Amino acid sequence: HTGGEDVGRDLYDWLVNDAEVVRDVRVTAAGHTSEGTMGSGFELLNL
């Protein structure tokens, strides 16, 4: 739980650009946004 899409997208980008992480860890955006808002779904990341 990232607390918001901006942090979520930033953390997602950080993790998928870390060679040590992406070698083994699968990182995906969970596709969840707060009810009543439009967004890209980066509030939750699945690992």
ModelCIF file with pLDDT and N, C-alpha, C, O atoms, coordinates in Angstrom:
data_MODEL
#
_entry.id   MODEL 
#
_entity.id                         1 
_entity.type                       polymer 
_entity.pdbx_number_of_molecules   1 
#
_entity_poly.entity_id                      1 
_entity_poly.type                           'polypeptide(L)' 
_entity_poly.nstd_linkage                   no 
_entity_poly.nstd_monomer                   no 
_entity_poly.pdbx_seq_one_letter_code       HTGGEDVGRDLYDWLVNDAEVVRDVRVTAAGHTSEGTMGSGFELLNL 
_entity_poly.pdbx_seq_one_letter_code_can   HTGGEDVGRDLYDWLVNDAEVVRDVRVTAAGHTSEGTMGSGFELLNL 
_entity_poly.pdbx_strand_id                 A 
#
loop_
_entity_poly_seq.entity_id 
_entity_poly_seq.num 
_entity_poly_seq.mon_id 
_entity_poly_seq.hetero 
1 1  HIS n 
1 2  THR n 
1 3  GLY n 
1 4  GLY n 
1 5  GLU n 
1 6  ASP n 
1 7  VAL n 
1 8  GLY n 
1 9  ARG n 
1 10 ASP n 
1 11 LEU n 
1 12 TYR n 
1 13 ASP n 
1 14 TRP n 
1 15 LEU n 
1 16 VAL n 
1 17 ASN n 
1 18 ASP n 
1 19 ALA n 
1 20 GLU n 
1 21 VAL n 
1 22 VAL n 
1 23 ARG n 
1 24 ASP n 
1 25 VAL n 
1 26 ARG n 
1 27 VAL n 
1 28 THR n 
1 29 ALA n 
1 30 ALA n 
1 31 GLY n 
1 32 HIS n 
1 33 THR n 
1 34 SER n 
1 35 GLU n 
1 36 GLY n 
1 37 THR n 
1 38 MET n 
1 39 GLY n 
1 40 SER n 
1 41 GLY n 
1 42 PHE n 
1 43 GLU n 
1 44 LEU n 
1 45 LEU n 
1 46 ASN n 
1 47 LEU n 
#
_struct_asym.id          A 
_struct_asym.entity_id   1 
#
loop_
_ma_qa_metric.id 
_ma_qa_metric.mode 
_ma_qa_metric.name 
_ma_qa_metric.software_group_id 
_ma_qa_metric.type 
1 global pLDDT . pLDDT 
2 local  pLDDT . pLDDT 
#
_ma_qa_metric_global.metric_id      1 
_ma_qa_metric_global.metric_value   82.62 
_ma_qa_metric_global.model_id       1 
_ma_qa_metric_global.ordinal_id     1 
#
loop_
_ma_qa_metric_local.label_asym_id 
_ma_qa_metric_local.label_comp_id 
_ma_qa_metric_local.label_seq_id 
_ma_qa_metric_local.metric_id 
_ma_qa_metric_local.metric_value 
_ma_qa_metric_local.model_id 
_ma_qa_metric_local.ordinal_id 
A HIS 1  2 90.00 1 1  
A THR 2  2 88.00 1 2  
A GLY 3  2 83.00 1 3  
A GLY 4  2 82.00 1 4  
A GLU 5  2 81.00 1 5  
A ASP 6  2 87.00 1 6  
A VAL 7  2 89.00 1 7  
A GLY 8  2 90.00 1 8  
A ARG 9  2 91.00 1 9  
A ASP 10 2 92.00 1 10 
A LEU 11 2 94.00 1 11 
A TYR 12 2 94.00 1 12 
A ASP 13 2 95.00 1 13 
A TRP 14 2 96.00 1 14 
A LEU 15 2 96.00 1 15 
A VAL 16 2 96.00 1 16 
A ASN 17 2 97.00 1 17 
A ASP 18 2 97.00 1 18 
A ALA 19 2 96.00 1 19 
A GLU 20 2 94.00 1 20 
A VAL 21 2 95.00 1 21 
A VAL 22 2 94.00 1 22 
A ARG 23 2 95.00 1 23 
A ASP 24 2 94.00 1 24 
A VAL 25 2 94.00 1 25 
A ARG 26 2 95.00 1 26 
A VAL 27 2 94.00 1 27 
A THR 28 2 93.00 1 28 
A ALA 29 2 89.00 1 29 
A ALA 30 2 81.00 1 30 
A GLY 31 2 66.00 1 31 
A HIS 32 2 50.00 1 32 
A THR 33 2 49.00 1 33 
A SER 34 2 50.00 1 34 
A GLU 35 2 53.00 1 35 
A GLY 36 2 53.00 1 36 
A THR 37 2 52.00 1 37 
A MET 38 2 49.00 1 38 
A GLY 39 2 51.00 1 39 
A SER 40 2 57.00 1 40 
A GLY 41 2 70.00 1 41 
A PHE 42 2 81.00 1 42 
A GLU 43 2 87.00 1 43 
A LEU 44 2 89.00 1 44 
A LEU 45 2 92.00 1 45 
A ASN 46 2 91.00 1 46 
A LEU 47 2 91.00 1 47 
#
loop_
_atom_site.group_PDB 
_atom_site.id 
_atom_site.type_symbol 
_atom_site.label_atom_id 
_atom_site.label_alt_id 
_atom_site.label_comp_id 
_atom_site.label_asym_id 
_atom_site.label_entity_id 
_atom_site.label_seq_id 
_atom_site.pdbx_PDB_ins_code 
_atom_site.Cartn_x 
_atom_site.Cartn_y 
_atom_site.Cartn_z 
_atom_site.occupancy 
_atom_site.B_iso_or_equiv 
_atom_site.pdbx_formal_charge 
_atom_site.auth_seq_id 
_atom_site.auth_comp_id 
_atom_site.auth_asym_id 
_atom_site.auth_atom_id 
_atom_site.pdbx_PDB_model_num 
ATOM 1   N N  . HIS A 1 1  ? 0.873   -1.180  0.000   1.00 90.00 ? 1  HIS A N  1 
ATOM 2   C CA . HIS A 1 1  ? 0.000   0.000   0.000   1.00 90.00 ? 1  HIS A CA 1 
ATOM 3   C C  . HIS A 1 1  ? 0.907   1.226   0.000   1.00 90.00 ? 1  HIS A C  1 
ATOM 4   O O  . HIS A 1 1  ? 1.690   1.432   0.928   1.00 90.00 ? 1  HIS A O  1 
ATOM 5   N N  . THR A 1 2  ? 0.794   2.037   -1.049  1.00 88.00 ? 2  THR A N  1 
ATOM 6   C CA . THR A 1 2  ? 1.724   3.150   -1.203  1.00 88.00 ? 2  THR A CA 1 
ATOM 7   C C  . THR A 1 2  ? 1.184   4.481   -0.706  1.00 88.00 ? 2  THR A C  1 
ATOM 8   O O  . THR A 1 2  ? 1.937   5.449   -0.599  1.00 88.00 ? 2  THR A O  1 
ATOM 9   N N  . GLY A 1 3  ? -0.090  4.547   -0.404  1.00 83.00 ? 3  GLY A N  1 
ATOM 10  C CA . GLY A 1 3  ? -0.645  5.796   0.099   1.00 83.00 ? 3  GLY A CA 1 
ATOM 11  C C  . GLY A 1 3  ? -1.026  6.782   -0.987  1.00 83.00 ? 3  GLY A C  1 
ATOM 12  O O  . GLY A 1 3  ? -1.501  7.875   -0.679  1.00 83.00 ? 3  GLY A O  1 
ATOM 13  N N  . GLY A 1 4  ? -0.834  6.435   -2.227  1.00 82.00 ? 4  GLY A N  1 
ATOM 14  C CA . GLY A 1 4  ? -1.228  7.322   -3.314  1.00 82.00 ? 4  GLY A CA 1 
ATOM 15  C C  . GLY A 1 4  ? -0.576  6.931   -4.621  1.00 82.00 ? 4  GLY A C  1 
ATOM 16  O O  . GLY A 1 4  ? 0.457   6.262   -4.645  1.00 82.00 ? 4  GLY A O  1 
ATOM 17  N N  . GLU A 1 5  ? -1.191  7.355   -5.700  1.00 81.00 ? 5  GLU A N  1 
ATOM 18  C CA . GLU A 1 5  ? -0.703  6.970   -7.017  1.00 81.00 ? 5  GLU A CA 1 
ATOM 19  C C  . GLU A 1 5  ? 0.668   7.532   -7.345  1.00 81.00 ? 5  GLU A C  1 
ATOM 20  O O  . GLU A 1 5  ? 1.472   6.849   -7.979  1.00 81.00 ? 5  GLU A O  1 
ATOM 21  N N  . ASP A 1 6  ? 0.959   8.781   -6.924  1.00 87.00 ? 6  ASP A N  1 
ATOM 22  C CA . ASP A 1 6  ? 2.265   9.364   -7.239  1.00 87.00 ? 6  ASP A CA 1 
ATOM 23  C C  . ASP A 1 6  ? 3.383   8.562   -6.590  1.00 87.00 ? 6  ASP A C  1 
ATOM 24  O O  . ASP A 1 6  ? 4.372   8.230   -7.243  1.00 87.00 ? 6  ASP A O  1 
ATOM 25  N N  . VAL A 1 7  ? 3.230   8.252   -5.317  1.00 89.00 ? 7  VAL A N  1 
ATOM 26  C CA . VAL A 1 7  ? 4.226   7.435   -4.615  1.00 89.00 ? 7  VAL A CA 1 
ATOM 27  C C  . VAL A 1 7  ? 4.255   6.041   -5.216  1.00 89.00 ? 7  VAL A C  1 
ATOM 28  O O  . VAL A 1 7  ? 5.329   5.472   -5.414  1.00 89.00 ? 7  VAL A O  1 
ATOM 29  N N  . GLY A 1 8  ? 3.092   5.488   -5.508  1.00 90.00 ? 8  GLY A N  1 
ATOM 30  C CA . GLY A 1 8  ? 3.014   4.149   -6.076  1.00 90.00 ? 8  GLY A CA 1 
ATOM 31  C C  . GLY A 1 8  ? 3.739   4.045   -7.402  1.00 90.00 ? 8  GLY A C  1 
ATOM 32  O O  . GLY A 1 8  ? 4.505   3.108   -7.628  1.00 90.00 ? 8  GLY A O  1 
ATOM 33  N N  . ARG A 1 9  ? 3.499   4.999   -8.273  1.00 91.00 ? 9  ARG A N  1 
ATOM 34  C CA . ARG A 1 9  ? 4.173   4.980   -9.576  1.00 91.00 ? 9  ARG A CA 1 
ATOM 35  C C  . ARG A 1 9  ? 5.677   5.159   -9.390  1.00 91.00 ? 9  ARG A C  1 
ATOM 36  O O  . ARG A 1 9  ? 6.465   4.496   -10.065 1.00 91.00 ? 9  ARG A O  1 
ATOM 37  N N  . ASP A 1 10 ? 6.081   6.042   -8.489  1.00 92.00 ? 10 ASP A N  1 
ATOM 38  C CA . ASP A 1 10 ? 7.496   6.287   -8.225  1.00 92.00 ? 10 ASP A CA 1 
ATOM 39  C C  . ASP A 1 10 ? 8.171   5.027   -7.671  1.00 92.00 ? 10 ASP A C  1 
ATOM 40  O O  . ASP A 1 10 ? 9.255   4.651   -8.118  1.00 92.00 ? 10 ASP A O  1 
ATOM 41  N N  . LEU A 1 11 ? 7.526   4.380   -6.697  1.00 94.00 ? 11 LEU A N  1 
ATOM 42  C CA . LEU A 1 11 ? 8.081   3.149   -6.127  1.00 94.00 ? 11 LEU A CA 1 
ATOM 43  C C  . LEU A 1 11 ? 8.098   2.037   -7.172  1.00 94.00 ? 11 LEU A C  1 
ATOM 44  O O  . LEU A 1 11 ? 9.078   1.297   -7.265  1.00 94.00 ? 11 LEU A O  1 
ATOM 45  N N  . TYR A 1 12 ? 7.044   1.910   -7.949  1.00 94.00 ? 12 TYR A N  1 
ATOM 46  C CA . TYR A 1 12 ? 6.989   0.910   -9.014  1.00 94.00 ? 12 TYR A CA 1 
ATOM 47  C C  . TYR A 1 12 ? 8.166   1.104   -9.976  1.00 94.00 ? 12 TYR A C  1 
ATOM 48  O O  . TYR A 1 12 ? 8.880   0.151   -10.291 1.00 94.00 ? 12 TYR A O  1 
ATOM 49  N N  . ASP A 1 13 ? 8.362   2.341   -10.438 1.00 95.00 ? 13 ASP A N  1 
ATOM 50  C CA . ASP A 1 13 ? 9.465   2.629   -11.358 1.00 95.00 ? 13 ASP A CA 1 
ATOM 51  C C  . ASP A 1 13 ? 10.808  2.291   -10.714 1.00 95.00 ? 13 ASP A C  1 
ATOM 52  O O  . ASP A 1 13 ? 11.696  1.736   -11.361 1.00 95.00 ? 13 ASP A O  1 
ATOM 53  N N  . TRP A 1 14 ? 10.945  2.636   -9.425  1.00 96.00 ? 14 TRP A N  1 
ATOM 54  C CA . TRP A 1 14 ? 12.177  2.348   -8.693  1.00 96.00 ? 14 TRP A CA 1 
ATOM 55  C C  . TRP A 1 14 ? 12.442  0.837   -8.678  1.00 96.00 ? 14 TRP A C  1 
ATOM 56  O O  . TRP A 1 14 ? 13.548  0.390   -8.982  1.00 96.00 ? 14 TRP A O  1 
ATOM 57  N N  . LEU A 1 15 ? 11.425  0.067   -8.326  1.00 96.00 ? 15 LEU A N  1 
ATOM 58  C CA . LEU A 1 15 ? 11.604  -1.387  -8.196  1.00 96.00 ? 15 LEU A CA 1 
ATOM 59  C C  . LEU A 1 15 ? 11.869  -2.061  -9.538  1.00 96.00 ? 15 LEU A C  1 
ATOM 60  O O  . LEU A 1 15 ? 12.743  -2.924  -9.624  1.00 96.00 ? 15 LEU A O  1 
ATOM 61  N N  . VAL A 1 16 ? 11.139  -1.691  -10.582 1.00 96.00 ? 16 VAL A N  1 
ATOM 62  C CA . VAL A 1 16 ? 11.327  -2.365  -11.870 1.00 96.00 ? 16 VAL A CA 1 
ATOM 63  C C  . VAL A 1 16 ? 12.625  -1.946  -12.550 1.00 96.00 ? 16 VAL A C  1 
ATOM 64  O O  . VAL A 1 16 ? 13.055  -2.593  -13.505 1.00 96.00 ? 16 VAL A O  1 
ATOM 65  N N  . ASN A 1 17 ? 13.248  -0.886  -12.078 1.00 97.00 ? 17 ASN A N  1 
ATOM 66  C CA . ASN A 1 17 ? 14.544  -0.476  -12.609 1.00 97.00 ? 17 ASN A CA 1 
ATOM 67  C C  . ASN A 1 17 ? 15.706  -0.947  -11.733 1.00 97.00 ? 17 ASN A C  1 
ATOM 68  O O  . ASN A 1 17 ? 16.859  -0.609  -12.001 1.00 97.00 ? 17 ASN A O  1 
ATOM 69  N N  . ASP A 1 18 ? 15.413  -1.714  -10.702 1.00 97.00 ? 18 ASP A N  1 
ATOM 70  C CA . ASP A 1 18 ? 16.439  -2.286  -9.835  1.00 97.00 ? 18 ASP A CA 1 
ATOM 71  C C  . ASP A 1 18 ? 16.707  -3.719  -10.303 1.00 97.00 ? 18 ASP A C  1 
ATOM 72  O O  . ASP A 1 18 ? 15.878  -4.609  -10.113 1.00 97.00 ? 18 ASP A O  1 
ATOM 73  N N  . ALA A 1 19 ? 17.867  -3.926  -10.912 1.00 96.00 ? 19 ALA A N  1 
ATOM 74  C CA . ALA A 1 19 ? 18.196  -5.238  -11.495 1.00 96.00 ? 19 ALA A CA 1 
ATOM 75  C C  . ALA A 1 19 ? 18.152  -6.360  -10.469 1.00 96.00 ? 19 ALA A C  1 
ATOM 76  O O  . ALA A 1 19 ? 17.775  -7.484  -10.800 1.00 96.00 ? 19 ALA A O  1 
ATOM 77  N N  . GLU A 1 20 ? 18.532  -6.073  -9.232  1.00 94.00 ? 20 GLU A N  1 
ATOM 78  C CA . GLU A 1 20 ? 18.514  -7.100  -8.184  1.00 94.00 ? 20 GLU A CA 1 
ATOM 79  C C  . GLU A 1 20 ? 17.087  -7.532  -7.848  1.00 94.00 ? 20 GLU A C  1 
ATOM 80  O O  . GLU A 1 20 ? 16.849  -8.693  -7.513  1.00 94.00 ? 20 GLU A O  1 
ATOM 81  N N  . VAL A 1 21 ? 16.152  -6.609  -7.938  1.00 95.00 ? 21 VAL A N  1 
ATOM 82  C CA . VAL A 1 21 ? 14.754  -6.916  -7.623  1.00 95.00 ? 21 VAL A CA 1 
ATOM 83  C C  . VAL A 1 21 ? 14.090  -7.657  -8.780  1.00 95.00 ? 21 VAL A C  1 
ATOM 84  O O  . VAL A 1 21 ? 13.511  -8.726  -8.585  1.00 95.00 ? 21 VAL A O  1 
ATOM 85  N N  . VAL A 1 22 ? 14.172  -7.091  -9.982  1.00 94.00 ? 22 VAL A N  1 
ATOM 86  C CA . VAL A 1 22 ? 13.417  -7.671  -11.099 1.00 94.00 ? 22 VAL A CA 1 
ATOM 87  C C  . VAL A 1 22 ? 13.968  -9.005  -11.579 1.00 94.00 ? 22 VAL A C  1 
ATOM 88  O O  . VAL A 1 22 ? 13.310  -9.710  -12.344 1.00 94.00 ? 22 VAL A O  1 
ATOM 89  N N  . ARG A 1 23 ? 15.164  -9.354  -11.135 1.00 95.00 ? 23 ARG A N  1 
ATOM 90  C CA . ARG A 1 23 ? 15.704  -10.668 -11.511 1.00 95.00 ? 23 ARG A CA 1 
ATOM 91  C C  . ARG A 1 23 ? 14.791  -11.781 -11.004 1.00 95.00 ? 23 ARG A C  1 
ATOM 92  O O  . ARG A 1 23 ? 14.605  -12.787 -11.688 1.00 95.00 ? 23 ARG A O  1 
ATOM 93  N N  . ASP A 1 24 ? 14.213  -11.609 -9.796  1.00 94.00 ? 24 ASP A N  1 
ATOM 94  C CA . ASP A 1 24 ? 13.401  -12.665 -9.194  1.00 94.00 ? 24 ASP A CA 1 
ATOM 95  C C  . ASP A 1 24 ? 11.996  -12.240 -8.778  1.00 94.00 ? 24 ASP A C  1 
ATOM 96  O O  . ASP A 1 24 ? 11.082  -13.064 -8.784  1.00 94.00 ? 24 ASP A O  1 
ATOM 97  N N  . VAL A 1 25 ? 11.809  -10.986 -8.422  1.00 94.00 ? 25 VAL A N  1 
ATOM 98  C CA . VAL A 1 25 ? 10.528  -10.521 -7.880  1.00 94.00 ? 25 VAL A CA 1 
ATOM 99  C C  . VAL A 1 25 ? 9.633   -10.043 -9.018  1.00 94.00 ? 25 VAL A C  1 
ATOM 100 O O  . VAL A 1 25 ? 10.068  -9.287  -9.887  1.00 94.00 ? 25 VAL A O  1 
ATOM 101 N N  . ARG A 1 26 ? 8.394   -10.487 -9.006  1.00 95.00 ? 26 ARG A N  1 
ATOM 102 C CA . ARG A 1 26 ? 7.408   -10.009 -9.985  1.00 95.00 ? 26 ARG A CA 1 
ATOM 103 C C  . ARG A 1 26 ? 6.661   -8.836  -9.364  1.00 95.00 ? 26 ARG A C  1 
ATOM 104 O O  . ARG A 1 26 ? 6.027   -8.983  -8.319  1.00 95.00 ? 26 ARG A O  1 
ATOM 105 N N  . VAL A 1 27 ? 6.736   -7.677  -10.003 1.00 94.00 ? 27 VAL A N  1 
ATOM 106 C CA . VAL A 1 27 ? 6.123   -6.439  -9.502  1.00 94.00 ? 27 VAL A CA 1 
ATOM 107 C C  . VAL A 1 27 ? 5.047   -5.999  -10.489 1.00 94.00 ? 27 VAL A C  1 
ATOM 108 O O  . VAL A 1 27 ? 5.330   -5.785  -11.668 1.00 94.00 ? 27 VAL A O  1 
ATOM 109 N N  . THR A 1 28 ? 3.809   -5.862  -10.004 1.00 93.00 ? 28 THR A N  1 
ATOM 110 C CA . THR A 1 28 ? 2.729   -5.381  -10.858 1.00 93.00 ? 28 THR A CA 1 
ATOM 111 C C  . THR A 1 28 ? 1.875   -4.382  -10.086 1.00 93.00 ? 28 THR A C  1 
ATOM 112 O O  . THR A 1 28 ? 1.771   -4.449  -8.861  1.00 93.00 ? 28 THR A O  1 
ATOM 113 N N  . ALA A 1 29 ? 1.267   -3.455  -10.820 1.00 89.00 ? 29 ALA A N  1 
ATOM 114 C CA . ALA A 1 29 ? 0.290   -2.550  -10.214 1.00 89.00 ? 29 ALA A CA 1 
ATOM 115 C C  . ALA A 1 29 ? -0.995  -3.336  -10.037 1.00 89.00 ? 29 ALA A C  1 
ATOM 116 O O  . ALA A 1 29 ? -1.395  -4.097  -10.919 1.00 89.00 ? 29 ALA A O  1 
ATOM 117 N N  . ALA A 1 30 ? -1.639  -3.151  -8.894  1.00 81.00 ? 30 ALA A N  1 
ATOM 118 C CA . ALA A 1 30 ? -2.836  -3.936  -8.579  1.00 81.00 ? 30 ALA A CA 1 
ATOM 119 C C  . ALA A 1 30 ? -4.077  -3.431  -9.292  1.00 81.00 ? 30 ALA A C  1 
ATOM 120 O O  . ALA A 1 30 ? -5.096  -4.122  -9.312  1.00 81.00 ? 30 ALA A O  1 
ATOM 121 N N  . GLY A 1 31 ? -4.015  -2.242  -9.876  1.00 66.00 ? 31 GLY A N  1 
ATOM 122 C CA . GLY A 1 31 ? -5.166  -1.734  -10.613 1.00 66.00 ? 31 GLY A CA 1 
ATOM 123 C C  . GLY A 1 31 ? -6.248  -1.175  -9.726  1.00 66.00 ? 31 GLY A C  1 
ATOM 124 O O  . GLY A 1 31 ? -7.392  -1.062  -10.167 1.00 66.00 ? 31 GLY A O  1 
ATOM 125 N N  . HIS A 1 32 ? -5.936  -0.819  -8.490  1.00 50.00 ? 32 HIS A N  1 
ATOM 126 C CA . HIS A 1 32 ? -6.921  -0.295  -7.541  1.00 50.00 ? 32 HIS A CA 1 
ATOM 127 C C  . HIS A 1 32 ? -6.789  1.216   -7.456  1.00 50.00 ? 32 HIS A C  1 
ATOM 128 O O  . HIS A 1 32 ? -5.681  1.740   -7.335  1.00 50.00 ? 32 HIS A O  1 
ATOM 129 N N  . THR A 1 33 ? -7.894  1.905   -7.517  1.00 49.00 ? 33 THR A N  1 
ATOM 130 C CA . THR A 1 33 ? -7.910  3.338   -7.259  1.00 49.00 ? 33 THR A CA 1 
ATOM 131 C C  . THR A 1 33 ? -9.016  3.615   -6.261  1.00 49.00 ? 33 THR A C  1 
ATOM 132 O O  . THR A 1 33 ? -9.930  2.808   -6.093  1.00 49.00 ? 33 THR A O  1 
ATOM 133 N N  . SER A 1 34 ? -8.934  4.740   -5.612  1.00 50.00 ? 34 SER A N  1 
ATOM 134 C CA . SER A 1 34 ? -9.960  5.109   -4.640  1.00 50.00 ? 34 SER A CA 1 
ATOM 135 C C  . SER A 1 34 ? -11.300 5.236   -5.331  1.00 50.00 ? 34 SER A C  1 
ATOM 136 O O  . SER A 1 34 ? -11.379 5.685   -6.474  1.00 50.00 ? 34 SER A O  1 
ATOM 137 N N  . GLU A 1 35 ? -12.348 4.844   -4.639  1.00 53.00 ? 35 GLU A N  1 
ATOM 138 C CA . GLU A 1 35 ? -13.688 4.909   -5.216  1.00 53.00 ? 35 GLU A CA 1 
ATOM 139 C C  . GLU A 1 35 ? -14.032 6.342   -5.589  1.00 53.00 ? 35 GLU A C  1 
ATOM 140 O O  . GLU A 1 35 ? -13.802 7.274   -4.818  1.00 53.00 ? 35 GLU A O  1 
ATOM 141 N N  . GLY A 1 36 ? -14.579 6.499   -6.767  1.00 53.00 ? 36 GLY A N  1 
ATOM 142 C CA . GLY A 1 36 ? -14.996 7.816   -7.218  1.00 53.00 ? 36 GLY A CA 1 
ATOM 143 C C  . GLY A 1 36 ? -13.886 8.624   -7.867  1.00 53.00 ? 36 GLY A C  1 
ATOM 144 O O  . GLY A 1 36 ? -14.090 9.789   -8.209  1.00 53.00 ? 36 GLY A O  1 
ATOM 145 N N  . THR A 1 37 ? -12.711 8.022   -8.042  1.00 52.00 ? 37 THR A N  1 
ATOM 146 C CA . THR A 1 37 ? -11.617 8.741   -8.685  1.00 52.00 ? 37 THR A CA 1 
ATOM 147 C C  . THR A 1 37 ? -11.149 7.973   -9.902  1.00 52.00 ? 37 THR A C  1 
ATOM 148 O O  . THR A 1 37 ? -11.354 6.766   -10.024 1.00 52.00 ? 37 THR A O  1 
ATOM 149 N N  . MET A 1 38 ? -10.515 8.708   -10.797 1.00 49.00 ? 38 MET A N  1 
ATOM 150 C CA . MET A 1 38 ? -9.902  8.060   -11.948 1.00 49.00 ? 38 MET A CA 1 
ATOM 151 C C  . MET A 1 38 ? -8.410  8.012   -11.676 1.00 49.00 ? 38 MET A C  1 
ATOM 152 O O  . MET A 1 38 ? -7.845  8.944   -11.104 1.00 49.00 ? 38 MET A O  1 
ATOM 153 N N  . GLY A 1 39 ? -7.789  6.952   -12.075 1.00 51.00 ? 39 GLY A N  1 
ATOM 154 C CA . GLY A 1 39 ? -6.356  6.856   -11.871 1.00 51.00 ? 39 GLY A CA 1 
ATOM 155 C C  . GLY A 1 39 ? -5.783  5.645   -12.571 1.00 51.00 ? 39 GLY A C  1 
ATOM 156 O O  . GLY A 1 39 ? -6.493  4.885   -13.230 1.00 51.00 ? 39 GLY A O  1 
ATOM 157 N N  . SER A 1 40 ? -4.492  5.484   -12.414 1.00 57.00 ? 40 SER A N  1 
ATOM 158 C CA . SER A 1 40 ? -3.801  4.402   -13.116 1.00 57.00 ? 40 SER A CA 1 
ATOM 159 C C  . SER A 1 40 ? -3.633  3.151   -12.277 1.00 57.00 ? 40 SER A C  1 
ATOM 160 O O  . SER A 1 40 ? -3.131  2.147   -12.782 1.00 57.00 ? 40 SER A O  1 
ATOM 161 N N  . GLY A 1 41 ? -4.035  3.173   -11.017 1.00 70.00 ? 41 GLY A N  1 
ATOM 162 C CA . GLY A 1 41 ? -4.011  1.967   -10.211 1.00 70.00 ? 41 GLY A CA 1 
ATOM 163 C C  . GLY A 1 41 ? -2.709  1.668   -9.513  1.00 70.00 ? 41 GLY A C  1 
ATOM 164 O O  . GLY A 1 41 ? -2.427  0.503   -9.233  1.00 70.00 ? 41 GLY A O  1 
ATOM 165 N N  . PHE A 1 42 ? -1.905  2.668   -9.220  1.00 81.00 ? 42 PHE A N  1 
ATOM 166 C CA . PHE A 1 42 ? -0.621  2.421   -8.573  1.00 81.00 ? 42 PHE A CA 1 
ATOM 167 C C  . PHE A 1 42 ? -0.668  2.593   -7.057  1.00 81.00 ? 42 PHE A C  1 
ATOM 168 O O  . PHE A 1 42 ? 0.380   2.606   -6.412  1.00 81.00 ? 42 PHE A O  1 
ATOM 169 N N  . GLU A 1 43 ? -1.859  2.727   -6.475  1.00 87.00 ? 43 GLU A N  1 
ATOM 170 C CA . GLU A 1 43 ? -1.954  2.821   -5.018  1.00 87.00 ? 43 GLU A CA 1 
ATOM 171 C C  . GLU A 1 43 ? -1.531  1.518   -4.360  1.00 87.00 ? 43 GLU A C  1 
ATOM 172 O O  . GLU A 1 43 ? -0.992  1.517   -3.253  1.00 87.00 ? 43 GLU A O  1 
ATOM 173 N N  . LEU A 1 44 ? -1.780  0.407   -5.050  1.00 89.00 ? 44 LEU A N  1 
ATOM 174 C CA . LEU A 1 44 ? -1.411  -0.915  -4.557  1.00 89.00 ? 44 LEU A CA 1 
ATOM 175 C C  . LEU A 1 44 ? -0.475  -1.583  -5.561  1.00 89.00 ? 44 LEU A C  1 
ATOM 176 O O  . LEU A 1 44 ? -0.708  -1.546  -6.769  1.00 89.00 ? 44 LEU A O  1 
ATOM 177 N N  . LEU A 1 45 ? 0.576   -2.189  -5.043  1.00 92.00 ? 45 LEU A N  1 
ATOM 178 C CA . LEU A 1 45 ? 1.475   -2.972  -5.877  1.00 92.00 ? 45 LEU A CA 1 
ATOM 179 C C  . LEU A 1 45 ? 1.452   -4.409  -5.391  1.00 92.00 ? 45 LEU A C  1 
ATOM 180 O O  . LEU A 1 45 ? 1.491   -4.662  -4.187  1.00 92.00 ? 45 LEU A O  1 
ATOM 181 N N  . ASN A 1 46 ? 1.389   -5.348  -6.317  1.00 91.00 ? 46 ASN A N  1 
ATOM 182 C CA . ASN A 1 46 ? 1.453   -6.766  -5.972  1.00 91.00 ? 46 ASN A CA 1 
ATOM 183 C C  . ASN A 1 46 ? 2.869   -7.254  -6.232  1.00 91.00 ? 46 ASN A C  1 
ATOM 184 O O  . ASN A 1 46 ? 3.449   -6.991  -7.286  1.00 91.00 ? 46 ASN A O  1 
ATOM 185 N N  . LEU A 1 47 ? 3.414   -7.966  -5.260  1.00 91.00 ? 47 LEU A N  1 
ATOM 186 C CA . LEU A 1 47 ? 4.764   -8.492  -5.376  1.00 91.00 ? 47 LEU A CA 1 
ATOM 187 C C  . LEU A 1 47 ? 4.726   -9.997  -5.148  1.00 91.00 ? 47 LEU A C  1 
ATOM 188 O O  . LEU A 1 47 ? 5.765   -10.655 -5.200  1.00 91.00 ? 47 LEU A O  1 
#
